[in-house]
Amino acid sequence: MNTPHTRRGSAGLLAKLMETVRPEFRAEVFCPPRNSPVFFPGECRIPSCPTTLTMGRLKLCRTHHHRWAAAGRSADLDGWAAQEDARLRQRSQVSACLISGCNRARAAHGLCHRHASR
């Protein structure tokens, strides 16, 4: 079995590297800050969308760019964005089951899966 040999001075190279590389880049997984213009070009123009930009000129993420294109590429992009934001906010709110005391989410006919199957 071959084992790597450490050459003289390699510990010095590591020390030089650690001096040069900033602490935030030394982690196993690098998570850049959201306000970094180098790693994040910005966020989607839809306020309730946390995704970073893909289409920089339009300030839309990839998903919303596809949705905007599928909707006919409305000239009123700000109006479309407001409607899309309202749709996303409504979708993110989970409605409760109509049976009093049940804390599960609605599935069919206003009831959770358990009450709907009964």
N, C-alpha and C. Protein backbone atom coordinates (compact mmCIF):
# COMPACT_ATOMS: atom_id res chain seq x y z
N MET A 1 0.84 -1.17 0.00
CA MET A 1 0.00 0.00 0.00
C MET A 1 0.89 1.24 0.00
N ASN A 2 0.58 2.15 -0.84
CA ASN A 2 1.38 3.37 -0.92
C ASN A 2 0.85 4.41 0.06
N THR A 3 1.74 5.03 0.76
CA THR A 3 1.35 6.12 1.65
C THR A 3 2.02 7.38 1.15
N PRO A 4 1.30 8.49 1.22
CA PRO A 4 1.90 9.73 0.74
C PRO A 4 3.04 10.17 1.64
N HIS A 5 4.08 10.64 1.05
CA HIS A 5 5.23 11.13 1.80
C HIS A 5 5.13 12.65 1.89
N THR A 6 5.39 13.16 3.05
CA THR A 6 5.38 14.60 3.23
C THR A 6 6.79 15.12 2.99
N ARG A 7 6.88 16.05 2.08
CA ARG A 7 8.19 16.63 1.81
C ARG A 7 8.52 17.70 2.83
N ARG A 8 9.79 17.94 2.99
CA ARG A 8 10.19 19.02 3.89
C ARG A 8 9.63 20.34 3.36
N GLY A 9 9.15 21.14 4.27
CA GLY A 9 8.65 22.45 3.89
C GLY A 9 7.19 22.47 3.50
N SER A 10 6.54 21.30 3.37
CA SER A 10 5.12 21.30 2.98
C SER A 10 4.26 21.89 4.09
N ALA A 11 4.68 21.72 5.34
CA ALA A 11 3.93 22.34 6.44
C ALA A 11 4.01 23.86 6.32
N GLY A 12 5.14 24.37 5.84
CA GLY A 12 5.29 25.80 5.61
C GLY A 12 4.37 26.30 4.52
N LEU A 13 4.15 25.49 3.48
CA LEU A 13 3.24 25.86 2.40
C LEU A 13 1.80 25.95 2.91
N LEU A 14 1.43 24.99 3.75
CA LEU A 14 0.08 25.01 4.32
C LEU A 14 -0.11 26.26 5.18
N ALA A 15 0.88 26.60 5.95
CA ALA A 15 0.80 27.81 6.79
C ALA A 15 0.65 29.05 5.91
N LYS A 16 1.41 29.12 4.82
CA LYS A 16 1.31 30.26 3.91
C LYS A 16 -0.09 30.32 3.27
N LEU A 17 -0.60 29.15 2.91
CA LEU A 17 -1.94 29.10 2.33
C LEU A 17 -2.98 29.59 3.32
N MET A 18 -2.88 29.16 4.56
CA MET A 18 -3.85 29.57 5.58
C MET A 18 -3.74 31.06 5.89
N GLU A 19 -2.56 31.63 5.73
CA GLU A 19 -2.40 33.07 5.92
C GLU A 19 -3.07 33.84 4.79
N THR A 20 -3.01 33.28 3.60
CA THR A 20 -3.51 33.96 2.41
C THR A 20 -5.02 33.84 2.26
N VAL A 21 -5.57 32.66 2.52
CA VAL A 21 -7.00 32.42 2.32
C VAL A 21 -7.78 32.97 3.51
N ARG A 22 -8.78 33.80 3.19
CA ARG A 22 -9.60 34.40 4.26
C ARG A 22 -10.39 33.32 4.99
N PRO A 23 -10.69 33.52 6.28
CA PRO A 23 -11.38 32.50 7.09
C PRO A 23 -12.70 31.99 6.51
N GLU A 24 -13.50 32.87 5.89
CA GLU A 24 -14.80 32.43 5.37
C GLU A 24 -14.68 31.44 4.22
N PHE A 25 -13.49 31.36 3.59
CA PHE A 25 -13.28 30.44 2.48
C PHE A 25 -12.61 29.14 2.91
N ARG A 26 -12.35 28.97 4.21
CA ARG A 26 -11.65 27.78 4.69
C ARG A 26 -12.58 26.66 5.12
N ALA A 27 -13.86 26.85 5.12
CA ALA A 27 -14.81 25.85 5.60
C ALA A 27 -14.96 24.71 4.61
N GLU A 28 -15.46 23.58 5.09
CA GLU A 28 -15.74 22.42 4.22
C GLU A 28 -16.74 22.80 3.14
N VAL A 29 -17.82 23.46 3.57
CA VAL A 29 -18.86 23.90 2.64
C VAL A 29 -18.90 25.42 2.71
N PHE A 30 -18.70 26.05 1.59
CA PHE A 30 -18.68 27.51 1.54
C PHE A 30 -20.09 28.02 1.32
N CYS A 31 -20.58 28.85 2.20
CA CYS A 31 -21.89 29.47 2.08
C CYS A 31 -21.70 30.98 1.99
N PRO A 32 -21.66 31.52 0.78
CA PRO A 32 -21.43 32.96 0.64
C PRO A 32 -22.60 33.77 1.16
N PRO A 33 -22.34 34.98 1.63
CA PRO A 33 -23.44 35.83 2.11
C PRO A 33 -24.35 36.24 0.96
N ARG A 34 -25.65 36.41 1.25
CA ARG A 34 -26.63 36.74 0.21
C ARG A 34 -26.38 38.11 -0.42
N ASN A 35 -25.69 38.98 0.29
CA ASN A 35 -25.46 40.32 -0.25
C ASN A 35 -24.14 40.43 -1.01
N SER A 36 -23.52 39.31 -1.32
CA SER A 36 -22.25 39.31 -2.04
C SER A 36 -22.50 39.46 -3.54
N PRO A 37 -22.08 40.58 -4.14
CA PRO A 37 -22.32 40.77 -5.58
C PRO A 37 -21.49 39.81 -6.45
N VAL A 38 -20.47 39.20 -5.88
CA VAL A 38 -19.65 38.27 -6.64
C VAL A 38 -20.38 36.94 -6.83
N PHE A 39 -21.04 36.44 -5.78
CA PHE A 39 -21.68 35.13 -5.82
C PHE A 39 -23.18 35.19 -6.09
N PHE A 40 -23.83 36.30 -5.78
CA PHE A 40 -25.26 36.44 -5.99
C PHE A 40 -25.55 37.69 -6.80
N PRO A 41 -26.11 37.53 -7.98
CA PRO A 41 -26.40 38.71 -8.79
C PRO A 41 -27.61 39.49 -8.29
N GLY A 42 -28.33 38.95 -7.32
CA GLY A 42 -29.52 39.59 -6.78
C GLY A 42 -30.61 38.56 -6.57
N GLU A 43 -31.75 39.02 -6.06
CA GLU A 43 -32.88 38.11 -5.83
C GLU A 43 -33.99 38.41 -6.82
N CYS A 44 -34.85 37.44 -6.98
CA CYS A 44 -35.99 37.55 -7.89
C CYS A 44 -36.85 38.75 -7.51
N ARG A 45 -37.44 39.42 -8.52
CA ARG A 45 -38.27 40.60 -8.26
C ARG A 45 -39.58 40.26 -7.54
N ILE A 46 -39.96 38.97 -7.51
CA ILE A 46 -41.16 38.55 -6.78
C ILE A 46 -40.79 38.55 -5.29
N PRO A 47 -41.39 39.42 -4.46
CA PRO A 47 -40.97 39.56 -3.07
C PRO A 47 -40.99 38.26 -2.24
N SER A 48 -41.92 37.37 -2.50
CA SER A 48 -42.01 36.15 -1.70
C SER A 48 -41.16 35.02 -2.27
N CYS A 49 -40.34 35.29 -3.27
CA CYS A 49 -39.46 34.28 -3.87
C CYS A 49 -38.04 34.52 -3.39
N PRO A 50 -37.44 33.55 -2.68
CA PRO A 50 -36.08 33.73 -2.15
C PRO A 50 -34.97 33.32 -3.13
N THR A 51 -35.33 32.99 -4.36
CA THR A 51 -34.37 32.45 -5.32
C THR A 51 -33.51 33.57 -5.93
N THR A 52 -32.27 33.23 -6.24
CA THR A 52 -31.39 34.22 -6.87
C THR A 52 -31.72 34.38 -8.34
N LEU A 53 -31.25 35.46 -8.90
CA LEU A 53 -31.54 35.80 -10.29
C LEU A 53 -30.91 34.84 -11.29
N THR A 54 -31.62 34.64 -12.36
CA THR A 54 -31.08 33.95 -13.53
C THR A 54 -31.12 34.94 -14.68
N MET A 55 -32.23 35.59 -14.82
CA MET A 55 -32.42 36.57 -15.89
C MET A 55 -32.21 37.95 -15.28
N GLY A 56 -30.96 38.39 -15.25
CA GLY A 56 -30.58 39.63 -14.57
C GLY A 56 -31.29 40.87 -15.08
N ARG A 57 -31.45 40.99 -16.37
CA ARG A 57 -32.08 42.19 -16.94
C ARG A 57 -33.51 42.34 -16.46
N LEU A 58 -34.23 41.22 -16.37
CA LEU A 58 -35.64 41.25 -15.95
C LEU A 58 -35.80 41.13 -14.44
N LYS A 59 -34.72 40.78 -13.75
CA LYS A 59 -34.73 40.53 -12.30
C LYS A 59 -35.72 39.42 -11.94
N LEU A 60 -35.62 38.31 -12.66
CA LEU A 60 -36.45 37.14 -12.41
C LEU A 60 -35.58 35.91 -12.23
N CYS A 61 -36.02 34.99 -11.37
CA CYS A 61 -35.35 33.70 -11.26
C CYS A 61 -35.78 32.86 -12.46
N ARG A 62 -35.17 31.72 -12.63
CA ARG A 62 -35.47 30.86 -13.78
C ARG A 62 -36.94 30.44 -13.79
N THR A 63 -37.46 30.02 -12.65
CA THR A 63 -38.85 29.56 -12.57
C THR A 63 -39.83 30.67 -12.96
N HIS A 64 -39.61 31.86 -12.39
CA HIS A 64 -40.54 32.95 -12.70
C HIS A 64 -40.36 33.47 -14.13
N HIS A 65 -39.18 33.36 -14.66
CA HIS A 65 -39.00 33.73 -16.06
C HIS A 65 -39.81 32.79 -16.96
N HIS A 66 -39.78 31.50 -16.67
CA HIS A 66 -40.57 30.54 -17.45
C HIS A 66 -42.06 30.79 -17.27
N ARG A 67 -42.50 31.11 -16.05
CA ARG A 67 -43.91 31.38 -15.80
C ARG A 67 -44.35 32.64 -16.54
N TRP A 68 -43.50 33.66 -16.53
CA TRP A 68 -43.81 34.92 -17.23
C TRP A 68 -43.90 34.67 -18.73
N ALA A 69 -42.98 33.88 -19.28
CA ALA A 69 -43.01 33.56 -20.70
C ALA A 69 -44.26 32.76 -21.05
N ALA A 70 -44.63 31.80 -20.20
CA ALA A 70 -45.83 30.98 -20.44
C ALA A 70 -47.10 31.82 -20.36
N ALA A 71 -47.05 32.91 -19.58
CA ALA A 71 -48.22 33.79 -19.45
C ALA A 71 -48.32 34.78 -20.60
N GLY A 72 -47.41 34.69 -21.56
CA GLY A 72 -47.49 35.55 -22.74
C GLY A 72 -46.55 36.74 -22.70
N ARG A 73 -45.58 36.73 -21.82
CA ARG A 73 -44.59 37.81 -21.71
C ARG A 73 -45.25 39.18 -21.61
N SER A 74 -46.05 39.34 -20.59
CA SER A 74 -46.79 40.58 -20.38
C SER A 74 -45.86 41.79 -20.40
N ALA A 75 -46.30 42.87 -21.07
CA ALA A 75 -45.51 44.10 -21.13
C ALA A 75 -45.47 44.76 -19.76
N ASP A 76 -46.53 44.56 -18.97
CA ASP A 76 -46.57 45.11 -17.62
C ASP A 76 -45.96 44.10 -16.65
N LEU A 77 -44.63 44.04 -16.64
CA LEU A 77 -43.92 43.07 -15.82
C LEU A 77 -44.17 43.30 -14.33
N ASP A 78 -44.26 44.56 -13.91
CA ASP A 78 -44.51 44.85 -12.50
C ASP A 78 -45.90 44.38 -12.07
N GLY A 79 -46.90 44.57 -12.94
CA GLY A 79 -48.26 44.09 -12.65
C GLY A 79 -48.31 42.58 -12.56
N TRP A 80 -47.63 41.92 -13.50
CA TRP A 80 -47.58 40.46 -13.47
C TRP A 80 -46.88 39.98 -12.21
N ALA A 81 -45.79 40.66 -11.82
CA ALA A 81 -45.03 40.28 -10.63
C ALA A 81 -45.89 40.41 -9.38
N ALA A 82 -46.73 41.43 -9.30
CA ALA A 82 -47.62 41.61 -8.14
C ALA A 82 -48.64 40.46 -8.07
N GLN A 83 -49.19 40.08 -9.22
CA GLN A 83 -50.14 38.95 -9.24
C GLN A 83 -49.45 37.65 -8.87
N GLU A 84 -48.23 37.45 -9.35
CA GLU A 84 -47.48 36.23 -9.05
C GLU A 84 -47.13 36.17 -7.57
N ASP A 85 -46.79 37.32 -7.00
CA ASP A 85 -46.48 37.37 -5.57
C ASP A 85 -47.71 37.01 -4.75
N ALA A 86 -48.87 37.55 -5.12
CA ALA A 86 -50.12 37.22 -4.42
C ALA A 86 -50.42 35.73 -4.53
N ARG A 87 -50.19 35.15 -5.71
CA ARG A 87 -50.42 33.71 -5.91
C ARG A 87 -49.50 32.89 -5.02
N LEU A 88 -48.23 33.29 -4.95
CA LEU A 88 -47.27 32.56 -4.10
C LEU A 88 -47.63 32.66 -2.63
N ARG A 89 -48.01 33.85 -2.18
CA ARG A 89 -48.38 34.03 -0.77
C ARG A 89 -49.61 33.21 -0.41
N GLN A 90 -50.58 33.18 -1.30
CA GLN A 90 -51.80 32.40 -1.05
C GLN A 90 -51.47 30.91 -1.01
N ARG A 91 -50.59 30.49 -1.88
CA ARG A 91 -50.21 29.08 -1.95
C ARG A 91 -49.44 28.63 -0.71
N SER A 92 -48.67 29.55 -0.11
CA SER A 92 -47.84 29.18 1.04
C SER A 92 -48.65 29.09 2.33
N GLN A 93 -49.88 29.61 2.33
CA GLN A 93 -50.71 29.53 3.52
C GLN A 93 -51.51 28.22 3.47
N VAL A 94 -51.35 27.41 4.48
CA VAL A 94 -52.02 26.12 4.53
C VAL A 94 -53.33 26.27 5.28
N SER A 95 -54.42 25.84 4.66
CA SER A 95 -55.73 25.91 5.29
C SER A 95 -55.94 24.71 6.20
N ALA A 96 -56.60 24.94 7.32
CA ALA A 96 -56.84 23.87 8.30
C ALA A 96 -58.09 23.07 7.93
N CYS A 97 -58.14 21.87 8.44
CA CYS A 97 -59.31 20.99 8.27
C CYS A 97 -60.53 21.67 8.90
N LEU A 98 -61.70 21.46 8.29
CA LEU A 98 -62.92 22.09 8.78
C LEU A 98 -63.45 21.48 10.08
N ILE A 99 -62.99 20.29 10.45
CA ILE A 99 -63.44 19.65 11.69
C ILE A 99 -62.81 20.38 12.87
N SER A 100 -63.63 20.84 13.77
CA SER A 100 -63.11 21.61 14.90
C SER A 100 -62.21 20.74 15.78
N GLY A 101 -61.09 21.30 16.19
CA GLY A 101 -60.12 20.58 17.00
C GLY A 101 -59.08 19.83 16.20
N CYS A 102 -59.26 19.70 14.89
CA CYS A 102 -58.29 19.00 14.05
C CYS A 102 -57.24 20.02 13.59
N ASN A 103 -55.99 19.67 13.78
CA ASN A 103 -54.92 20.61 13.41
C ASN A 103 -54.21 20.20 12.13
N ARG A 104 -54.81 19.37 11.34
CA ARG A 104 -54.20 18.93 10.08
C ARG A 104 -54.63 19.86 8.93
N ALA A 105 -53.89 19.78 7.82
CA ALA A 105 -54.18 20.62 6.66
C ALA A 105 -55.31 20.03 5.82
N ARG A 106 -56.03 20.90 5.14
CA ARG A 106 -57.11 20.48 4.26
C ARG A 106 -56.55 19.69 3.08
N ALA A 107 -57.34 18.72 2.66
CA ALA A 107 -56.97 17.95 1.47
C ALA A 107 -58.13 18.02 0.48
N ALA A 108 -59.18 17.25 0.73
CA ALA A 108 -60.33 17.20 -0.18
C ALA A 108 -61.59 17.68 0.54
N HIS A 109 -62.38 18.46 -0.15
CA HIS A 109 -63.67 18.94 0.38
C HIS A 109 -63.51 19.68 1.70
N GLY A 110 -62.38 20.33 1.90
CA GLY A 110 -62.16 21.10 3.12
C GLY A 110 -61.75 20.26 4.31
N LEU A 111 -61.52 18.97 4.10
CA LEU A 111 -61.16 18.07 5.19
C LEU A 111 -59.75 17.54 4.99
N CYS A 112 -59.12 17.14 6.11
CA CYS A 112 -57.80 16.51 6.01
C CYS A 112 -57.98 15.10 5.45
N HIS A 113 -56.87 14.43 5.15
CA HIS A 113 -56.96 13.08 4.57
C HIS A 113 -57.68 12.13 5.52
N ARG A 114 -57.38 12.22 6.81
CA ARG A 114 -58.00 11.31 7.78
C ARG A 114 -59.52 11.49 7.82
N HIS A 115 -60.01 12.73 7.92
CA HIS A 115 -61.46 12.96 8.00
C HIS A 115 -62.14 12.74 6.63
N ALA A 116 -61.45 13.04 5.55
CA ALA A 116 -62.03 12.81 4.22
C ALA A 116 -62.22 11.32 3.96
N SER A 117 -61.33 10.48 4.48
CA SER A 117 -61.47 9.04 4.22
C SER A 117 -62.56 8.41 5.08
N ARG A 118 -62.96 9.06 6.14
CA ARG A 118 -64.05 8.55 6.96
C ARG A 118 -65.36 8.88 6.33
